[in-house]
PDB file of N, CA and C in Angstrom:
ATOM      1  N   MET A   1       0.841  -1.173   0.000  1.00  0.00           N
ATOM      2  CA  MET A   1       0.000   0.000   0.000  1.00  0.00           C
ATOM      3  C   MET A   1       0.896   1.250   0.000  1.00  0.00           C
ATOM      4  N   SER A   2       0.535   2.216  -0.785  1.00  0.00           N
ATOM      5  CA  SER A   2       1.329   3.422  -0.929  1.00  0.00           C
ATOM      6  C   SER A   2       1.001   4.415   0.188  1.00  0.00           C
ATOM      7  N   HIS A   3       2.018   5.104   0.658  1.00  0.00           N
ATOM      8  CA  HIS A   3       1.840   6.090   1.724  1.00  0.00           C
ATOM      9  C   HIS A   3       1.811   7.516   1.181  1.00  0.00           C
ATOM     10  N   THR A   4       1.716   7.655  -0.136  1.00  0.00           N
ATOM     11  CA  THR A   4       1.663   9.005  -0.700  1.00  0.00           C
ATOM     12  C   THR A   4       0.233   9.524  -0.676  1.00  0.00           C
ATOM     13  N   THR A   5       0.137  10.807  -0.561  1.00  0.00           N
ATOM     14  CA  THR A   5      -1.175  11.447  -0.566  1.00  0.00           C
ATOM     15  C   THR A   5      -1.323  12.242  -1.850  1.00  0.00           C
ATOM     16  N   LYS A   6      -2.509  12.762  -2.059  1.00  0.00           N
ATOM     17  CA  LYS A   6      -2.729  13.576  -3.250  1.00  0.00           C
ATOM     18  C   LYS A   6      -1.868  14.831  -3.217  1.00  0.00           C
ATOM     19  N   GLY A   7      -1.660  15.380  -2.046  1.00  0.00           N
ATOM     20  CA  GLY A   7      -0.828  16.582  -1.919  1.00  0.00           C
ATOM     21  C   GLY A   7       0.607  16.320  -2.327  1.00  0.00           C
ATOM     22  N   THR A   8       1.149  15.183  -1.942  1.00  0.00           N
ATOM     23  CA  THR A   8       2.528  14.841  -2.307  1.00  0.00           C
ATOM     24  C   THR A   8       2.623  14.605  -3.810  1.00  0.00           C
ATOM     25  N   GLN A   9       1.611  13.962  -4.387  1.00  0.00           N
ATOM     26  CA  GLN A   9       1.619  13.730  -5.826  1.00  0.00           C
ATOM     27  C   GLN A   9       1.485  15.038  -6.588  1.00  0.00           C
ATOM     28  N   LEU A  10       0.705  15.969  -6.070  1.00  0.00           N
ATOM     29  CA  LEU A  10       0.535  17.261  -6.716  1.00  0.00           C
ATOM     30  C   LEU A  10       1.851  18.034  -6.705  1.00  0.00           C
ATOM     31  N   ILE A  11       2.555  18.016  -5.597  1.00  0.00           N
ATOM     32  CA  ILE A  11       3.841  18.716  -5.503  1.00  0.00           C
ATOM     33  C   ILE A  11       4.840  18.103  -6.472  1.00  0.00           C
ATOM     34  N   ALA A  12       4.885  16.781  -6.546  1.00  0.00           N
ATOM     35  CA  ALA A  12       5.806  16.108  -7.456  1.00  0.00           C
ATOM     36  C   ALA A  12       5.466  16.425  -8.901  1.00  0.00           C
ATOM     37  N   SER A  13       4.197  16.480  -9.236  1.00  0.00           N
ATOM     38  CA  SER A  13       3.835  16.777 -10.615  1.00  0.00           C
ATOM     39  C   SER A  13       4.132  18.233 -10.970  1.00  0.00           C
ATOM     40  N   LYS A  14       3.997  19.153 -10.023  1.00  0.00           N
ATOM     41  CA  LYS A  14       4.340  20.549 -10.279  1.00  0.00           C
ATOM     42  C   LYS A  14       5.847  20.714 -10.479  1.00  0.00           C
ATOM     43  N   ARG A  15       6.642  19.969  -9.722  1.00  0.00           N
ATOM     44  CA  ARG A  15       8.090  20.080  -9.810  1.00  0.00           C
ATOM     45  C   ARG A  15       8.577  19.601 -11.177  1.00  0.00           C
ATOM     46  N   ASN A  16       7.925  18.588 -11.746  1.00  0.00           N
ATOM     47  CA  ASN A  16       8.335  18.035 -13.027  1.00  0.00           C
ATOM     48  C   ASN A  16       7.616  18.682 -14.208  1.00  0.00           C
ATOM     49  N   ALA A  17       6.761  19.638 -13.937  1.00  0.00           N
ATOM     50  CA  ALA A  17       6.008  20.282 -15.012  1.00  0.00           C
ATOM     51  C   ALA A  17       6.920  21.184 -15.821  1.00  0.00           C
ATOM     52  N   SER A  18       6.604  21.313 -17.089  1.00  0.00           N
ATOM     53  CA  SER A  18       7.394  22.198 -17.934  1.00  0.00           C
ATOM     54  C   SER A  18       6.534  23.381 -18.359  1.00  0.00           C
ATOM     55  N   PHE A  19       7.172  24.474 -18.648  1.00  0.00           N
ATOM     56  CA  PHE A  19       6.497  25.678 -19.103  1.00  0.00           C
ATOM     57  C   PHE A  19       7.199  26.139 -20.364  1.00  0.00           C
ATOM     58  N   MET A  20       6.552  26.006 -21.496  1.00  0.00           N
ATOM     59  CA  MET A  20       7.104  26.402 -22.786  1.00  0.00           C
ATOM     60  C   MET A  20       8.469  25.760 -23.051  1.00  0.00           C
ATOM     61  N   GLY A  21       8.628  24.514 -22.689  1.00  0.00           N
ATOM     62  CA  GLY A  21       9.876  23.801 -22.938  1.00  0.00           C
ATOM     63  C   GLY A  21      10.897  23.907 -21.826  1.00  0.00           C
ATOM     64  N   PHE A  22      10.646  24.747 -20.835  1.00  0.00           N
ATOM     65  CA  PHE A  22      11.587  24.904 -19.729  1.00  0.00           C
ATOM     66  C   PHE A  22      11.151  24.013 -18.576  1.00  0.00           C
ATOM     67  N   ASN A  23      12.039  23.196 -18.090  1.00  0.00           N
ATOM     68  CA  ASN A  23      11.775  22.417 -16.898  1.00  0.00           C
ATOM     69  C   ASN A  23      13.029  22.425 -16.040  1.00  0.00           C
ATOM     70  N   HIS A  24      12.959  21.828 -14.878  1.00  0.00           N
ATOM     71  CA  HIS A  24      14.080  21.896 -13.939  1.00  0.00           C
ATOM     72  C   HIS A  24      15.340  21.261 -14.513  1.00  0.00           C
ATOM     73  N   GLN A  25      15.197  20.141 -15.194  1.00  0.00           N
ATOM     74  CA  GLN A  25      16.368  19.449 -15.710  1.00  0.00           C
ATOM     75  C   GLN A  25      17.062  20.252 -16.813  1.00  0.00           C
ATOM     76  N   SER A  26      16.306  20.824 -17.721  1.00  0.00           N
ATOM     77  CA  SER A  26      16.931  21.603 -18.795  1.00  0.00           C
ATOM     78  C   SER A  26      17.594  22.861 -18.246  1.00  0.00           C
ATOM     79  N   GLU A  27      16.991  23.465 -17.251  1.00  0.00           N
ATOM     80  CA  GLU A  27      17.595  24.650 -16.645  1.00  0.00           C
ATOM     81  C   GLU A  27      18.879  24.292 -15.890  1.00  0.00           C
ATOM     82  N   SER A  28      18.921  23.128 -15.268  1.00  0.00           N
ATOM     83  CA  SER A  28      20.143  22.687 -14.584  1.00  0.00           C
ATOM     84  C   SER A  28      21.269  22.478 -15.584  1.00  0.00           C
ATOM     85  N   TRP A  29      20.966  21.825 -16.707  1.00  0.00           N
ATOM     86  CA  TRP A  29      22.001  21.607 -17.728  1.00  0.00           C
ATOM     87  C   TRP A  29      22.452  22.923 -18.333  1.00  0.00           C
ATOM     88  N   ASN A  30      21.542  23.839 -18.549  1.00  0.00           N
ATOM     89  CA  ASN A  30      21.889  25.141 -19.093  1.00  0.00           C
ATOM     90  C   ASN A  30      22.850  25.873 -18.150  1.00  0.00           C
ATOM     91  N   GLY A  31      22.574  25.825 -16.865  1.00  0.00           N
ATOM     92  CA  GLY A  31      23.456  26.467 -15.888  1.00  0.00           C
ATOM     93  C   GLY A  31      24.820  25.813 -15.829  1.00  0.00           C
ATOM     94  N   ARG A  32      24.861  24.489 -15.880  1.00  0.00           N
ATOM     95  CA  ARG A  32      26.149  23.777 -15.846  1.00  0.00           C
ATOM     96  C   ARG A  32      26.999  24.121 -17.055  1.00  0.00           C
ATOM     97  N   LEU A  33      26.393  24.109 -18.237  1.00  0.00           N
ATOM     98  CA  LEU A  33      27.153  24.424 -19.446  1.00  0.00           C
ATOM     99  C   LEU A  33      27.602  25.881 -19.471  1.00  0.00           C
ATOM    100  N   ALA A  34      26.799  26.771 -18.919  1.00  0.00           N
ATOM    101  CA  ALA A  34      27.198  28.177 -18.828  1.00  0.00           C
ATOM    102  C   ALA A  34      28.402  28.337 -17.908  1.00  0.00           C
ATOM    103  N   MET A  35      28.419  27.591 -16.803  1.00  0.00           N
ATOM    104  CA  MET A  35      29.563  27.670 -15.889  1.00  0.00           C
ATOM    105  C   MET A  35      30.833  27.136 -16.558  1.00  0.00           C
ATOM    106  N   ILE A  36      30.704  26.058 -17.341  1.00  0.00           N
ATOM    107  CA  ILE A  36      31.867  25.517 -18.048  1.00  0.00           C
ATOM    108  C   ILE A  36      32.375  26.523 -19.072  1.00  0.00           C
ATOM    109  N   GLY A  37      31.467  27.171 -19.797  1.00  0.00           N
ATOM    110  CA  GLY A  37      31.868  28.182 -20.770  1.00  0.00           C
ATOM    111  C   GLY A  37      32.542  29.373 -20.125  1.00  0.00           C
ATOM    112  N   PHE A  38      32.030  29.810 -19.000  1.00  0.00           N
ATOM    113  CA  PHE A  38      32.641  30.937 -18.288  1.00  0.00           C
ATOM    114  C   PHE A  38      34.042  30.574 -17.801  1.00  0.00           C
ATOM    115  N   LEU A  39      34.189  29.359 -17.280  1.00  0.00           N
ATOM    116  CA  LEU A  39      35.508  28.899 -16.839  1.00  0.00           C
ATOM    117  C   LEU A  39      36.477  28.800 -18.011  1.00  0.00           C
ATOM    118  N   ALA A  40      35.993  28.356 -19.171  1.00  0.00           N
ATOM    119  CA  ALA A  40      36.843  28.269 -20.358  1.00  0.00           C
ATOM    120  C   ALA A  40      37.318  29.653 -20.787  1.00  0.00           C
ATOM    121  N   ALA A  41      36.437  30.643 -20.732  1.00  0.00           N
ATOM    122  CA  ALA A  41      36.826  32.011 -21.101  1.00  0.00           C
ATOM    123  C   ALA A  41      37.875  32.557 -20.142  1.00  0.00           C
ATOM    124  N   ILE A  42      37.735  32.280 -18.855  1.00  0.00           N
ATOM    125  CA  ILE A  42      38.729  32.724 -17.876  1.00  0.00           C
ATOM    126  C   ILE A  42      40.052  32.017 -18.107  1.00  0.00           C
ATOM    127  N   ALA A  43      40.021  30.719 -18.420  1.00  0.00           N
ATOM    128  CA  ALA A  43      41.239  29.958 -18.672  1.00  0.00           C
ATOM    129  C   ALA A  43      41.964  30.485 -19.913  1.00  0.00           C
ATOM    130  N   ILE A  44      41.218  30.829 -20.950  1.00  0.00           N
ATOM    131  CA  ILE A  44      41.835  31.392 -22.161  1.00  0.00           C
ATOM    132  C   ILE A  44      42.532  32.700 -21.833  1.00  0.00           C
ATOM    133  N   GLU A  45      41.883  33.547 -21.069  1.00  0.00           N
ATOM    134  CA  GLU A  45      42.494  34.824 -20.694  1.00  0.00           C
ATOM    135  C   GLU A  45      43.730  34.617 -19.822  1.00  0.00           C
ATOM    136  N   PHE A  46      43.672  33.648 -18.930  1.00  0.00           N
ATOM    137  CA  PHE A  46      44.789  33.410 -18.019  1.00  0.00           C
ATOM    138  C   PHE A  46      46.001  32.859 -18.766  1.00  0.00           C
ATOM    139  N   PHE A  47      45.795  31.860 -19.605  1.00  0.00           N
ATOM    140  CA  PHE A  47      46.920  31.209 -20.259  1.00  0.00           C
ATOM    141  C   PHE A  47      47.440  31.953 -21.481  1.00  0.00           C
ATOM    142  N   SER A  48      46.606  32.720 -22.172  1.00  0.00           N
ATOM    143  CA  SER A  48      47.073  33.423 -23.371  1.00  0.00           C
ATOM    144  C   SER A  48      47.556  34.838 -23.059  1.00  0.00           C
ATOM    145  N   GLY A  49      47.105  35.401 -21.953  1.00  0.00           N
ATOM    146  CA  GLY A  49      47.488  36.769 -21.625  1.00  0.00           C
ATOM    147  C   GLY A  49      46.691  37.805 -22.414  1.00  0.00           C
ATOM    148  N   GLN A  50      45.714  37.363 -23.173  1.00  0.00           N
ATOM    149  CA  GLN A  50      44.862  38.262 -23.954  1.00  0.00           C
ATOM    150  C   GLN A  50      43.425  38.087 -23.489  1.00  0.00           C
ATOM    151  N   GLY A  51      42.626  39.055 -23.828  1.00  0.00           N
ATOM    152  CA  GLY A  51      41.202  38.921 -23.543  1.00  0.00           C
ATOM    153  C   GLY A  51      40.566  37.900 -24.477  1.00  0.00           C
ATOM    154  N   PHE A  52      39.363  37.472 -24.136  1.00  0.00           N
ATOM    155  CA  PHE A  52      38.678  36.441 -24.927  1.00  0.00           C
ATOM    156  C   PHE A  52      38.448  36.901 -26.362  1.00  0.00           C
ATOM    157  N   LEU A  53      37.984  38.120 -26.542  1.00  0.00           N
ATOM    158  CA  LEU A  53      37.706  38.624 -27.888  1.00  0.00           C
ATOM    159  C   LEU A  53      38.975  38.853 -28.686  1.00  0.00           C
ATOM    160  N   HIS A  54      40.056  39.271 -28.036  1.00  0.00           N
ATOM    161  CA  HIS A  54      41.336  39.446 -28.721  1.00  0.00           C
ATOM    162  C   HIS A  54      41.935  38.095 -29.104  1.00  0.00           C
ATOM    163  N   PHE A  55      41.735  37.088 -28.295  1.00  0.00           N
ATOM    164  CA  PHE A  55      42.258  35.756 -28.587  1.00  0.00           C
ATOM    165  C   PHE A  55      41.658  35.211 -29.882  1.00  0.00           C
ATOM    166  N   TRP A  56      40.381  35.453 -30.108  1.00  0.00           N
ATOM    167  CA  TRP A  56      39.708  34.972 -31.319  1.00  0.00           C
ATOM    168  C   TRP A  56      39.736  36.011 -32.446  1.00  0.00           C
ATOM    169  N   ASN A  57      40.531  37.089 -32.282  1.00  0.00           N
ATOM    170  CA  ASN A  57      40.694  38.170 -33.283  1.00  0.00           C
ATOM    171  C   ASN A  57      39.364  38.805 -33.668  1.00  0.00           C
ATOM    172  N   ILE A  58      38.514  38.995 -32.688  1.00  0.00           N
ATOM    173  CA  ILE A  58      37.247  39.680 -32.936  1.00  0.00           C
ATOM    174  C   ILE A  58      37.434  41.190 -32.761  1.00  0.00           C
ATOM    175  N   LEU A  59      38.284  41.577 -31.841  1.00  0.00           N
ATOM    176  CA  LEU A  59      38.603  43.013 -31.646  1.00  0.00           C
ATOM    177  C   LEU A  59      39.979  43.305 -32.141  1.00  0.00           C
TER     178      LEU A  59
END
């Protein structure tokens, strides 16, 4: 016999609900990849001695 109530099921369904394609899992991956990209930009600046845009000859 299950010990879950309707309230617990409602909370779980709200947590997994998506809004226009956005859900918790996609937002988590988006944040993780953004952090990796930011770290890569800092690493490029640190090791090359140039800014990110100068490294790629954009400026």
